[in-house]
Amino acid sequence: MLVEEIMKTDMVKINKDTTIQEAMDLLQKHRIRHIPVVDEDMLIVGIVSDRDIRDASPSVFQLNALKEELNRPVSDIMKYPVITAHPLDFVEEAAVVLFENDISALPVAVDDKLVGMLTETKVLHTIVKLTGAHQPSSQIEVVVPNIYGHLADLSALFKKHKINITSVLVYPSEDLTHKVLTFRVQTMDPRPTMRMIEEAGYHVKWPHFPGIE
């Protein structure tokens, strides 16, 4: 899935002369945490977060200083350069960027022009849908040798027994000579499927049920 499929295109945006107070009002009104700062050509020149505003605000006990501070332009506190995503990036790639940079929003840009906004909440919702975790189903983890062919063999086994696969994930095992295939299948009782897999010579790592080795 691509970023352009889930990004918000009617995003709130401001210019560098917008006051901190105005930016704060927009954050509260639209219940968002980040606002991109653009110029007259929609080129991204910065980004402002609720954290930036909190860090720039003096104590509420300093009322005069507070008023003066909030009338400053956002250009005084905005972050730049801005980490962005491209509409044709995969959602998983955008998730890595969010994770590695410890940020919770990504402006989406083409040639530095703002075209959308992507938040960690939207990415999380999308990953949940991609994995099928939001649907009634069961997760089965199978340990296989780390060589080609086993995913195809197990998929063929599921097809033979008319078991619908919602999603498949692959991750390394503790033993580097093996890997773990995680299947989410459309059944609420995974035990018959687990027996089928074990009878085919594979080891089911999860789930564990008494009587099923």
N, C-alpha and C. Protein backbone atom coordinates (compact mmCIF):
# COMPACT_ATOMS: atom_id res chain seq x y z
N MET A 1 0.84 -1.20 0.00
CA MET A 1 0.00 0.00 0.00
C MET A 1 0.88 1.25 0.00
N LEU A 2 0.46 2.25 -0.77
CA LEU A 2 1.25 3.47 -0.90
C LEU A 2 0.76 4.58 0.02
N VAL A 3 1.66 5.50 0.33
CA VAL A 3 1.32 6.63 1.19
C VAL A 3 0.17 7.44 0.61
N GLU A 4 0.12 7.62 -0.70
CA GLU A 4 -0.93 8.42 -1.32
C GLU A 4 -2.32 7.85 -1.09
N GLU A 5 -2.40 6.58 -0.76
CA GLU A 5 -3.69 5.94 -0.54
C GLU A 5 -4.27 6.25 0.84
N ILE A 6 -3.42 6.66 1.76
CA ILE A 6 -3.92 6.88 3.13
C ILE A 6 -3.64 8.29 3.66
N MET A 7 -2.86 9.08 2.94
CA MET A 7 -2.50 10.41 3.45
C MET A 7 -3.72 11.33 3.46
N LYS A 8 -3.69 12.31 4.34
CA LYS A 8 -4.73 13.32 4.42
C LYS A 8 -4.37 14.46 3.47
N THR A 9 -5.30 14.80 2.58
CA THR A 9 -4.99 15.83 1.57
C THR A 9 -5.62 17.19 1.90
N ASP A 10 -6.59 17.20 2.80
CA ASP A 10 -7.19 18.49 3.19
C ASP A 10 -6.57 18.95 4.51
N MET A 11 -5.24 18.94 4.54
CA MET A 11 -4.51 19.21 5.78
C MET A 11 -4.53 20.69 6.14
N VAL A 12 -4.39 20.95 7.42
CA VAL A 12 -4.24 22.32 7.93
C VAL A 12 -2.81 22.76 7.69
N LYS A 13 -2.62 23.98 7.24
CA LYS A 13 -1.27 24.50 6.99
C LYS A 13 -1.23 25.98 7.34
N ILE A 14 -0.05 26.49 7.59
CA ILE A 14 0.13 27.89 7.96
C ILE A 14 1.35 28.43 7.23
N ASN A 15 1.55 29.75 7.33
CA ASN A 15 2.77 30.35 6.78
C ASN A 15 3.67 30.80 7.93
N LYS A 16 4.87 31.21 7.60
CA LYS A 16 5.86 31.50 8.64
C LYS A 16 5.51 32.73 9.47
N ASP A 17 4.58 33.57 8.99
CA ASP A 17 4.19 34.77 9.73
C ASP A 17 3.01 34.53 10.67
N THR A 18 2.42 33.33 10.60
CA THR A 18 1.34 32.99 11.53
C THR A 18 1.87 33.05 12.95
N THR A 19 1.07 33.61 13.86
CA THR A 19 1.55 33.72 15.23
C THR A 19 1.47 32.37 15.94
N ILE A 20 2.23 32.25 17.00
CA ILE A 20 2.20 31.03 17.80
C ILE A 20 0.81 30.82 18.37
N GLN A 21 0.15 31.90 18.76
CA GLN A 21 -1.21 31.79 19.29
C GLN A 21 -2.17 31.24 18.24
N GLU A 22 -2.06 31.73 17.03
CA GLU A 22 -2.92 31.25 15.94
C GLU A 22 -2.66 29.77 15.65
N ALA A 23 -1.40 29.41 15.66
CA ALA A 23 -1.06 28.00 15.43
C ALA A 23 -1.62 27.12 16.54
N MET A 24 -1.51 27.58 17.77
CA MET A 24 -2.03 26.83 18.90
C MET A 24 -3.55 26.67 18.80
N ASP A 25 -4.23 27.72 18.38
CA ASP A 25 -5.69 27.66 18.21
C ASP A 25 -6.07 26.64 17.15
N LEU A 26 -5.30 26.57 16.07
CA LEU A 26 -5.59 25.63 15.00
C LEU A 26 -5.36 24.18 15.45
N LEU A 27 -4.30 23.98 16.22
CA LEU A 27 -4.03 22.64 16.76
C LEU A 27 -5.20 22.16 17.61
N GLN A 28 -5.70 23.04 18.46
CA GLN A 28 -6.80 22.68 19.34
C GLN A 28 -8.11 22.50 18.57
N LYS A 29 -8.36 23.39 17.63
CA LYS A 29 -9.61 23.33 16.86
C LYS A 29 -9.72 22.05 16.04
N HIS A 30 -8.63 21.66 15.42
CA HIS A 30 -8.66 20.50 14.53
C HIS A 30 -8.17 19.22 15.21
N ARG A 31 -7.80 19.33 16.48
CA ARG A 31 -7.36 18.17 17.26
C ARG A 31 -6.20 17.45 16.57
N ILE A 32 -5.21 18.22 16.21
CA ILE A 32 -4.01 17.69 15.57
C ILE A 32 -2.79 18.09 16.39
N ARG A 33 -1.65 17.50 16.07
CA ARG A 33 -0.44 17.76 16.85
C ARG A 33 0.65 18.42 16.03
N HIS A 34 0.49 18.46 14.72
CA HIS A 34 1.50 19.05 13.84
C HIS A 34 0.85 19.89 12.76
N ILE A 35 1.50 20.99 12.41
CA ILE A 35 1.05 21.82 11.29
C ILE A 35 2.25 22.15 10.41
N PRO A 36 2.18 21.81 9.12
CA PRO A 36 3.26 22.19 8.22
C PRO A 36 3.23 23.69 7.91
N VAL A 37 4.41 24.25 7.74
CA VAL A 37 4.54 25.67 7.40
C VAL A 37 4.97 25.74 5.93
N VAL A 38 4.20 26.49 5.12
CA VAL A 38 4.48 26.56 3.68
C VAL A 38 4.59 28.02 3.23
N ASP A 39 5.19 28.21 2.05
CA ASP A 39 5.23 29.56 1.47
C ASP A 39 4.09 29.69 0.46
N GLU A 40 4.09 30.78 -0.31
CA GLU A 40 2.99 31.04 -1.24
C GLU A 40 2.92 30.02 -2.37
N ASP A 41 4.00 29.26 -2.60
CA ASP A 41 4.02 28.23 -3.65
C ASP A 41 3.80 26.83 -3.09
N MET A 42 3.39 26.74 -1.82
CA MET A 42 3.16 25.47 -1.14
C MET A 42 4.45 24.69 -0.89
N LEU A 43 5.59 25.36 -0.99
CA LEU A 43 6.85 24.72 -0.63
C LEU A 43 6.96 24.64 0.88
N ILE A 44 7.40 23.51 1.38
CA ILE A 44 7.50 23.31 2.82
C ILE A 44 8.72 24.06 3.36
N VAL A 45 8.49 24.95 4.32
CA VAL A 45 9.58 25.72 4.91
C VAL A 45 9.79 25.39 6.38
N GLY A 46 8.91 24.55 6.94
CA GLY A 46 9.05 24.18 8.35
C GLY A 46 7.85 23.38 8.82
N ILE A 47 7.90 22.99 10.08
CA ILE A 47 6.78 22.30 10.71
C ILE A 47 6.74 22.68 12.18
N VAL A 48 5.54 22.82 12.72
CA VAL A 48 5.34 23.21 14.12
C VAL A 48 4.50 22.15 14.81
N SER A 49 4.91 21.74 16.00
CA SER A 49 4.17 20.75 16.77
C SER A 49 3.66 21.36 18.07
N ASP A 50 2.74 20.66 18.70
CA ASP A 50 2.26 21.11 20.00
C ASP A 50 3.39 21.15 21.01
N ARG A 51 4.38 20.27 20.86
CA ARG A 51 5.53 20.27 21.76
C ARG A 51 6.38 21.54 21.57
N ASP A 52 6.54 21.95 20.31
CA ASP A 52 7.30 23.18 20.04
C ASP A 52 6.65 24.37 20.74
N ILE A 53 5.32 24.41 20.69
CA ILE A 53 4.59 25.52 21.30
C ILE A 53 4.71 25.47 22.82
N ARG A 54 4.60 24.28 23.39
CA ARG A 54 4.74 24.15 24.85
C ARG A 54 6.13 24.58 25.29
N ASP A 55 7.13 24.15 24.55
CA ASP A 55 8.51 24.48 24.92
C ASP A 55 8.78 25.98 24.82
N ALA A 56 8.07 26.65 23.90
CA ALA A 56 8.31 28.09 23.69
C ALA A 56 7.49 28.97 24.62
N SER A 57 6.51 28.38 25.30
CA SER A 57 5.61 29.18 26.13
C SER A 57 6.14 29.33 27.55
N PRO A 58 6.13 30.55 28.08
CA PRO A 58 6.54 30.76 29.48
C PRO A 58 5.45 30.28 30.43
N SER A 59 5.72 30.34 31.68
CA SER A 59 4.76 29.92 32.69
C SER A 59 3.49 30.76 32.62
N VAL A 60 2.35 30.14 32.95
CA VAL A 60 1.07 30.86 32.97
C VAL A 60 1.08 31.95 34.04
N PHE A 61 2.02 31.87 34.97
CA PHE A 61 2.10 32.90 36.00
C PHE A 61 2.79 34.17 35.50
N GLN A 62 3.38 34.07 34.32
CA GLN A 62 4.01 35.23 33.70
C GLN A 62 3.12 35.72 32.56
N LEU A 63 2.00 36.30 32.91
CA LEU A 63 0.97 36.63 31.92
C LEU A 63 1.46 37.60 30.85
N ASN A 64 2.20 38.59 31.23
CA ASN A 64 2.69 39.56 30.24
C ASN A 64 3.65 38.89 29.26
N ALA A 65 4.54 38.09 29.81
CA ALA A 65 5.50 37.39 28.96
C ALA A 65 4.79 36.38 28.06
N LEU A 66 3.74 35.75 28.61
CA LEU A 66 3.00 34.75 27.85
C LEU A 66 2.35 35.38 26.63
N LYS A 67 1.70 36.52 26.81
CA LYS A 67 1.03 37.20 25.70
C LYS A 67 2.04 37.62 24.63
N GLU A 68 3.15 38.15 25.08
CA GLU A 68 4.18 38.58 24.13
C GLU A 68 4.76 37.39 23.37
N GLU A 69 4.95 36.29 24.07
CA GLU A 69 5.54 35.10 23.46
C GLU A 69 4.61 34.51 22.40
N LEU A 70 3.32 34.49 22.71
CA LEU A 70 2.36 33.87 21.79
C LEU A 70 2.10 34.72 20.55
N ASN A 71 2.51 35.97 20.59
CA ASN A 71 2.35 36.85 19.42
C ASN A 71 3.55 36.78 18.48
N ARG A 72 4.55 36.00 18.85
CA ARG A 72 5.70 35.82 17.97
C ARG A 72 5.30 34.97 16.77
N PRO A 73 5.99 35.10 15.61
CA PRO A 73 5.68 34.26 14.45
C PRO A 73 6.20 32.84 14.64
N VAL A 74 5.55 31.90 14.00
CA VAL A 74 5.98 30.51 14.15
C VAL A 74 7.36 30.27 13.55
N SER A 75 7.81 31.17 12.72
CA SER A 75 9.16 31.02 12.15
C SER A 75 10.23 31.01 13.23
N ASP A 76 9.89 31.57 14.41
CA ASP A 76 10.84 31.58 15.53
C ASP A 76 11.01 30.21 16.18
N ILE A 77 10.01 29.34 16.02
CA ILE A 77 10.04 28.05 16.74
C ILE A 77 9.93 26.83 15.82
N MET A 78 9.60 27.04 14.55
CA MET A 78 9.38 25.90 13.66
C MET A 78 10.66 25.11 13.43
N LYS A 79 10.49 23.84 13.11
CA LYS A 79 11.61 22.95 12.84
C LYS A 79 11.90 22.91 11.34
N TYR A 80 13.19 22.95 11.01
CA TYR A 80 13.62 22.85 9.63
C TYR A 80 15.08 22.40 9.60
N PRO A 81 15.50 21.54 8.68
CA PRO A 81 14.72 20.97 7.57
C PRO A 81 13.69 19.96 8.06
N VAL A 82 12.71 19.70 7.20
CA VAL A 82 11.59 18.85 7.55
C VAL A 82 11.75 17.47 6.91
N ILE A 83 11.58 16.44 7.70
CA ILE A 83 11.59 15.08 7.18
C ILE A 83 10.24 14.83 6.50
N THR A 84 10.26 14.37 5.27
CA THR A 84 9.03 14.19 4.51
C THR A 84 8.94 12.78 3.93
N ALA A 85 7.75 12.47 3.45
CA ALA A 85 7.51 11.24 2.69
C ALA A 85 7.08 11.63 1.29
N HIS A 86 7.11 10.67 0.39
CA HIS A 86 6.64 10.88 -0.99
C HIS A 86 5.35 10.07 -1.16
N PRO A 87 4.42 10.56 -1.97
CA PRO A 87 3.16 9.82 -2.16
C PRO A 87 3.34 8.38 -2.62
N LEU A 88 4.44 8.10 -3.34
CA LEU A 88 4.66 6.76 -3.87
C LEU A 88 5.51 5.89 -2.96
N ASP A 89 5.85 6.38 -1.77
CA ASP A 89 6.52 5.54 -0.78
C ASP A 89 5.54 4.48 -0.28
N PHE A 90 6.08 3.32 0.06
CA PHE A 90 5.24 2.32 0.71
C PHE A 90 4.96 2.74 2.15
N VAL A 91 3.79 2.38 2.65
CA VAL A 91 3.42 2.73 4.02
C VAL A 91 4.43 2.17 5.01
N GLU A 92 4.93 0.96 4.76
CA GLU A 92 5.92 0.36 5.65
C GLU A 92 7.18 1.19 5.71
N GLU A 93 7.59 1.76 4.57
CA GLU A 93 8.79 2.61 4.54
C GLU A 93 8.57 3.88 5.35
N ALA A 94 7.37 4.46 5.24
CA ALA A 94 7.05 5.65 6.02
C ALA A 94 7.05 5.32 7.51
N ALA A 95 6.57 4.13 7.87
CA ALA A 95 6.57 3.71 9.27
C ALA A 95 7.99 3.63 9.81
N VAL A 96 8.92 3.15 8.99
CA VAL A 96 10.33 3.06 9.40
C VAL A 96 10.89 4.46 9.64
N VAL A 97 10.55 5.41 8.78
CA VAL A 97 11.03 6.79 8.94
C VAL A 97 10.50 7.38 10.25
N LEU A 98 9.23 7.17 10.54
CA LEU A 98 8.65 7.65 11.80
C LEU A 98 9.37 7.03 12.99
N PHE A 99 9.61 5.73 12.91
CA PHE A 99 10.24 5.00 14.01
C PHE A 99 11.69 5.45 14.22
N GLU A 100 12.46 5.50 13.15
CA GLU A 100 13.89 5.81 13.27
C GLU A 100 14.14 7.24 13.70
N ASN A 101 13.22 8.15 13.38
CA ASN A 101 13.41 9.55 13.74
C ASN A 101 12.59 9.96 14.97
N ASP A 102 11.87 9.00 15.56
CA ASP A 102 11.08 9.25 16.76
C ASP A 102 10.15 10.45 16.57
N ILE A 103 9.41 10.44 15.46
CA ILE A 103 8.45 11.50 15.16
C ILE A 103 7.08 10.87 14.94
N SER A 104 6.05 11.68 14.98
CA SER A 104 4.69 11.14 14.88
C SER A 104 3.90 11.66 13.70
N ALA A 105 4.55 12.42 12.82
CA ALA A 105 3.86 12.91 11.62
C ALA A 105 4.87 13.18 10.51
N LEU A 106 4.42 12.98 9.28
CA LEU A 106 5.27 13.22 8.11
C LEU A 106 4.49 14.04 7.08
N PRO A 107 4.95 15.24 6.77
CA PRO A 107 4.39 15.93 5.60
C PRO A 107 4.73 15.11 4.35
N VAL A 108 3.80 15.06 3.42
CA VAL A 108 4.03 14.34 2.17
C VAL A 108 4.27 15.37 1.08
N ALA A 109 5.36 15.22 0.35
CA ALA A 109 5.76 16.26 -0.60
C ALA A 109 6.19 15.68 -1.93
N VAL A 110 5.98 16.47 -2.97
CA VAL A 110 6.50 16.19 -4.31
C VAL A 110 7.29 17.41 -4.75
N ASP A 111 8.58 17.22 -5.00
CA ASP A 111 9.45 18.35 -5.34
C ASP A 111 9.37 19.46 -4.29
N ASP A 112 9.34 19.04 -3.00
CA ASP A 112 9.30 19.95 -1.85
C ASP A 112 7.96 20.67 -1.68
N LYS A 113 6.96 20.37 -2.53
CA LYS A 113 5.64 20.98 -2.40
C LYS A 113 4.74 20.07 -1.57
N LEU A 114 4.04 20.67 -0.61
CA LEU A 114 3.17 19.90 0.27
C LEU A 114 1.95 19.39 -0.49
N VAL A 115 1.71 18.06 -0.41
CA VAL A 115 0.54 17.47 -1.06
C VAL A 115 -0.30 16.65 -0.08
N GLY A 116 0.21 16.43 1.13
CA GLY A 116 -0.54 15.63 2.08
C GLY A 116 0.13 15.58 3.43
N MET A 117 -0.52 14.87 4.36
CA MET A 117 0.00 14.71 5.71
C MET A 117 -0.25 13.28 6.16
N LEU A 118 0.75 12.68 6.78
CA LEU A 118 0.64 11.31 7.25
C LEU A 118 0.99 11.27 8.73
N THR A 119 0.12 10.67 9.55
CA THR A 119 0.36 10.59 10.99
C THR A 119 0.62 9.15 11.41
N GLU A 120 1.25 9.00 12.57
CA GLU A 120 1.53 7.67 13.07
C GLU A 120 0.25 6.90 13.36
N THR A 121 -0.81 7.62 13.76
CA THR A 121 -2.09 6.96 14.02
C THR A 121 -2.65 6.34 12.75
N LYS A 122 -2.57 7.08 11.64
CA LYS A 122 -3.06 6.55 10.37
C LYS A 122 -2.22 5.37 9.92
N VAL A 123 -0.91 5.44 10.12
CA VAL A 123 -0.03 4.34 9.76
C VAL A 123 -0.35 3.10 10.59
N LEU A 124 -0.58 3.29 11.89
CA LEU A 124 -0.91 2.17 12.78
C LEU A 124 -2.22 1.51 12.35
N HIS A 125 -3.24 2.32 12.07
CA HIS A 125 -4.52 1.77 11.62
C HIS A 125 -4.35 0.96 10.34
N THR A 126 -3.51 1.48 9.44
CA THR A 126 -3.29 0.80 8.16
C THR A 126 -2.58 -0.52 8.34
N ILE A 127 -1.56 -0.55 9.21
CA ILE A 127 -0.81 -1.79 9.44
C ILE A 127 -1.71 -2.84 10.09
N VAL A 128 -2.60 -2.41 10.97
CA VAL A 128 -3.56 -3.34 11.57
C VAL A 128 -4.43 -3.98 10.48
N LYS A 129 -4.88 -3.15 9.52
CA LYS A 129 -5.69 -3.67 8.42
C LYS A 129 -4.89 -4.58 7.50
N LEU A 130 -3.63 -4.19 7.22
CA LEU A 130 -2.80 -5.00 6.35
C LEU A 130 -2.54 -6.39 6.93
N THR A 131 -2.42 -6.48 8.25
CA THR A 131 -2.15 -7.76 8.89
C THR A 131 -3.43 -8.56 9.15
N GLY A 132 -4.59 -7.90 8.98
CA GLY A 132 -5.85 -8.58 9.20
C GLY A 132 -6.18 -8.79 10.66
N ALA A 133 -5.46 -8.12 11.55
CA ALA A 133 -5.65 -8.32 12.99
C ALA A 133 -7.00 -7.82 13.48
N HIS A 134 -7.66 -6.97 12.69
CA HIS A 134 -8.95 -6.41 13.10
C HIS A 134 -10.11 -7.32 12.73
N GLN A 135 -9.84 -8.42 12.03
CA GLN A 135 -10.89 -9.33 11.60
C GLN A 135 -10.89 -10.58 12.47
N PRO A 136 -12.06 -11.24 12.61
CA PRO A 136 -12.10 -12.51 13.35
C PRO A 136 -11.18 -13.52 12.67
N SER A 137 -10.18 -13.97 13.36
CA SER A 137 -9.20 -14.86 12.75
C SER A 137 -8.30 -15.44 13.84
N SER A 138 -7.40 -16.32 13.40
CA SER A 138 -6.43 -16.91 14.32
C SER A 138 -5.03 -16.75 13.74
N GLN A 139 -4.05 -16.58 14.63
CA GLN A 139 -2.67 -16.45 14.21
C GLN A 139 -1.92 -17.75 14.49
N ILE A 140 -1.21 -18.24 13.47
CA ILE A 140 -0.43 -19.46 13.61
C ILE A 140 1.00 -19.19 13.17
N GLU A 141 1.96 -19.49 14.04
CA GLU A 141 3.37 -19.28 13.72
C GLU A 141 4.02 -20.63 13.45
N VAL A 142 4.69 -20.71 12.30
CA VAL A 142 5.31 -21.97 11.87
C VAL A 142 6.80 -21.74 11.66
N VAL A 143 7.63 -22.58 12.28
CA VAL A 143 9.08 -22.50 12.11
C VAL A 143 9.48 -23.36 10.92
N VAL A 144 10.21 -22.75 9.97
CA VAL A 144 10.64 -23.48 8.77
C VAL A 144 12.13 -23.23 8.53
N PRO A 145 12.80 -24.12 7.81
CA PRO A 145 14.21 -23.86 7.44
C PRO A 145 14.30 -22.59 6.60
N ASN A 146 15.40 -21.87 6.77
CA ASN A 146 15.58 -20.58 6.08
C ASN A 146 16.08 -20.79 4.65
N ILE A 147 15.26 -21.49 3.87
CA ILE A 147 15.54 -21.70 2.45
C ILE A 147 14.25 -21.49 1.68
N TYR A 148 14.38 -21.36 0.36
CA TYR A 148 13.21 -21.05 -0.46
C TYR A 148 12.23 -22.24 -0.52
N GLY A 149 10.98 -21.93 -0.78
CA GLY A 149 9.99 -22.95 -1.08
C GLY A 149 8.98 -23.26 -0.01
N HIS A 150 9.30 -23.00 1.26
CA HIS A 150 8.40 -23.43 2.33
C HIS A 150 7.13 -22.58 2.40
N LEU A 151 7.24 -21.30 2.11
CA LEU A 151 6.05 -20.46 2.10
C LEU A 151 5.09 -20.94 1.00
N ALA A 152 5.63 -21.25 -0.16
CA ALA A 152 4.80 -21.75 -1.26
C ALA A 152 4.16 -23.09 -0.89
N ASP A 153 4.93 -23.98 -0.25
CA ASP A 153 4.42 -25.29 0.13
C ASP A 153 3.29 -25.17 1.14
N LEU A 154 3.48 -24.32 2.14
CA LEU A 154 2.44 -24.15 3.15
C LEU A 154 1.20 -23.48 2.57
N SER A 155 1.40 -22.53 1.68
CA SER A 155 0.27 -21.87 1.03
C SER A 155 -0.54 -22.88 0.22
N ALA A 156 0.17 -23.78 -0.46
CA ALA A 156 -0.51 -24.82 -1.23
C ALA A 156 -1.28 -25.76 -0.30
N LEU A 157 -0.72 -26.01 0.87
CA LEU A 157 -1.40 -26.86 1.86
C LEU A 157 -2.69 -26.20 2.33
N PHE A 158 -2.63 -24.90 2.61
CA PHE A 158 -3.84 -24.19 3.01
C PHE A 158 -4.88 -24.22 1.89
N LYS A 159 -4.42 -24.04 0.66
CA LYS A 159 -5.35 -24.06 -0.48
C LYS A 159 -6.02 -25.43 -0.61
N LYS A 160 -5.23 -26.49 -0.47
CA LYS A 160 -5.76 -27.85 -0.58
C LYS A 160 -6.88 -28.10 0.42
N HIS A 161 -6.73 -27.55 1.61
CA HIS A 161 -7.72 -27.76 2.67
C HIS A 161 -8.74 -26.62 2.76
N LYS A 162 -8.72 -25.74 1.74
CA LYS A 162 -9.69 -24.65 1.62
C LYS A 162 -9.69 -23.74 2.86
N ILE A 163 -8.50 -23.39 3.29
CA ILE A 163 -8.34 -22.48 4.43
C ILE A 163 -7.92 -21.11 3.89
N ASN A 164 -8.68 -20.08 4.20
CA ASN A 164 -8.40 -18.75 3.67
C ASN A 164 -7.36 -18.03 4.54
N ILE A 165 -6.29 -17.55 3.88
CA ILE A 165 -5.23 -16.81 4.57
C ILE A 165 -5.54 -15.32 4.49
N THR A 166 -5.58 -14.64 5.64
CA THR A 166 -5.82 -13.20 5.69
C THR A 166 -4.53 -12.42 5.46
N SER A 167 -3.44 -12.88 6.06
CA SER A 167 -2.14 -12.21 5.88
C SER A 167 -1.01 -13.16 6.24
N VAL A 168 0.19 -12.82 5.74
CA VAL A 168 1.39 -13.60 6.05
C VAL A 168 2.52 -12.64 6.40
N LEU A 169 3.20 -12.91 7.50
CA LEU A 169 4.40 -12.16 7.88
C LEU A 169 5.55 -13.13 8.04
N VAL A 170 6.76 -12.67 7.73
CA VAL A 170 7.95 -13.49 7.86
C VAL A 170 8.95 -12.76 8.74
N TYR A 171 9.46 -13.43 9.77
CA TYR A 171 10.49 -12.80 10.58
C TYR A 171 11.53 -13.83 11.02
N PRO A 172 12.74 -13.38 11.38
CA PRO A 172 13.82 -14.32 11.71
C PRO A 172 13.51 -15.11 12.98
N SER A 173 14.01 -16.32 13.01
CA SER A 173 13.96 -17.12 14.22
C SER A 173 15.19 -16.83 15.06
N GLU A 174 15.18 -17.27 16.31
CA GLU A 174 16.38 -17.12 17.15
C GLU A 174 17.54 -17.90 16.54
N ASP A 175 17.22 -18.99 15.88
CA ASP A 175 18.21 -19.78 15.14
C ASP A 175 18.23 -19.25 13.71
N LEU A 176 19.36 -18.69 13.27
CA LEU A 176 19.44 -18.04 11.96
C LEU A 176 19.26 -19.01 10.80
N THR A 177 19.31 -20.31 11.08
CA THR A 177 19.10 -21.28 10.00
C THR A 177 17.61 -21.51 9.75
N HIS A 178 16.76 -20.87 10.55
CA HIS A 178 15.32 -21.01 10.39
C HIS A 178 14.67 -19.63 10.34
N LYS A 179 13.43 -19.58 9.97
CA LYS A 179 12.62 -18.37 10.01
C LYS A 179 11.22 -18.75 10.45
N VAL A 180 10.45 -17.76 10.84
CA VAL A 180 9.08 -17.99 11.33
C VAL A 180 8.09 -17.38 10.34
N LEU A 181 7.19 -18.21 9.86
CA LEU A 181 6.10 -17.75 9.01
C LEU A 181 4.86 -17.57 9.88
N THR A 182 4.33 -16.37 9.90
CA THR A 182 3.16 -16.09 10.72
C THR A 182 1.94 -15.94 9.81
N PHE A 183 1.04 -16.89 9.91
CA PHE A 183 -0.17 -16.87 9.10
C PHE A 183 -1.35 -16.41 9.95
N ARG A 184 -2.15 -15.53 9.40
CA ARG A 184 -3.44 -15.20 10.02
C ARG A 184 -4.50 -15.81 9.12
N VAL A 185 -5.28 -16.74 9.67
CA VAL A 185 -6.24 -17.49 8.87
C VAL A 185 -7.66 -17.27 9.41
N GLN A 186 -8.63 -17.40 8.51
CA GLN A 186 -10.02 -17.12 8.86
C GLN A 186 -10.67 -18.34 9.52
N THR A 187 -10.28 -18.56 10.75
CA THR A 187 -10.90 -19.58 11.57
C THR A 187 -10.74 -19.17 13.02
N MET A 188 -11.73 -19.43 13.84
CA MET A 188 -11.64 -19.10 15.25
C MET A 188 -11.09 -20.27 16.07
N ASP A 189 -11.04 -21.46 15.46
CA ASP A 189 -10.45 -22.63 16.12
C ASP A 189 -9.28 -23.11 15.26
N PRO A 190 -8.05 -22.76 15.63
CA PRO A 190 -6.90 -23.10 14.79
C PRO A 190 -6.41 -24.53 14.93
N ARG A 191 -6.98 -25.31 15.84
CA ARG A 191 -6.42 -26.63 16.14
C ARG A 191 -6.42 -27.58 14.94
N PRO A 192 -7.51 -27.68 14.18
CA PRO A 192 -7.44 -28.56 13.00
C PRO A 192 -6.36 -28.12 12.00
N THR A 193 -6.20 -26.82 11.84
CA THR A 193 -5.18 -26.30 10.93
C THR A 193 -3.78 -26.61 11.46
N MET A 194 -3.60 -26.48 12.77
CA MET A 194 -2.31 -26.79 13.37
C MET A 194 -1.95 -28.27 13.17
N ARG A 195 -2.94 -29.15 13.34
CA ARG A 195 -2.68 -30.58 13.15
C ARG A 195 -2.27 -30.85 11.71
N MET A 196 -2.95 -30.20 10.79
CA MET A 196 -2.64 -30.36 9.37
C MET A 196 -1.19 -29.96 9.08
N ILE A 197 -0.77 -28.85 9.68
CA ILE A 197 0.60 -28.35 9.47
C ILE A 197 1.61 -29.31 10.08
N GLU A 198 1.34 -29.78 11.30
CA GLU A 198 2.25 -30.71 11.97
C GLU A 198 2.36 -32.02 11.20
N GLU A 199 1.23 -32.50 10.66
CA GLU A 199 1.24 -33.75 9.90
C GLU A 199 2.04 -33.63 8.61
N ALA A 200 2.19 -32.38 8.14
CA ALA A 200 2.99 -32.14 6.93
C ALA A 200 4.48 -32.03 7.25
N GLY A 201 4.83 -32.18 8.54
CA GLY A 201 6.23 -32.19 8.94
C GLY A 201 6.78 -30.87 9.45
N TYR A 202 5.91 -29.90 9.71
CA TYR A 202 6.36 -28.59 10.19
C TYR A 202 6.11 -28.45 11.69
N HIS A 203 6.86 -27.54 12.30
CA HIS A 203 6.72 -27.26 13.74
C HIS A 203 5.91 -25.98 13.94
N VAL A 204 4.80 -26.11 14.66
CA VAL A 204 3.97 -24.94 14.99
C VAL A 204 4.49 -24.34 16.29
N LYS A 205 4.97 -23.12 16.20
CA LYS A 205 5.52 -22.43 17.36
C LYS A 205 4.43 -21.86 18.24
N TRP A 206 3.38 -21.37 17.61
CA TRP A 206 2.28 -20.74 18.34
C TRP A 206 0.99 -20.88 17.55
N PRO A 207 -0.15 -21.11 18.20
CA PRO A 207 -0.38 -21.18 19.65
C PRO A 207 -0.07 -22.57 20.21
N HIS A 208 -0.11 -22.65 21.56
CA HIS A 208 0.12 -23.92 22.25
C HIS A 208 -1.20 -24.42 22.80
N PHE A 209 -1.50 -25.68 22.54
CA PHE A 209 -2.68 -26.32 23.11
C PHE A 209 -2.28 -27.67 23.68
N PRO A 210 -2.86 -28.06 24.82
CA PRO A 210 -2.57 -29.38 25.38
C PRO A 210 -2.92 -30.47 24.37
N GLY A 211 -2.01 -31.42 24.21
CA GLY A 211 -2.28 -32.54 23.30
C GLY A 211 -1.79 -32.30 21.90
N ILE A 212 -1.33 -31.05 21.59
CA ILE A 212 -0.79 -30.76 20.27
C ILE A 212 0.68 -30.40 20.44
N GLU A 213 1.52 -31.26 20.00
CA GLU A 213 2.97 -31.06 20.17
C GLU A 213 3.54 -30.31 18.98
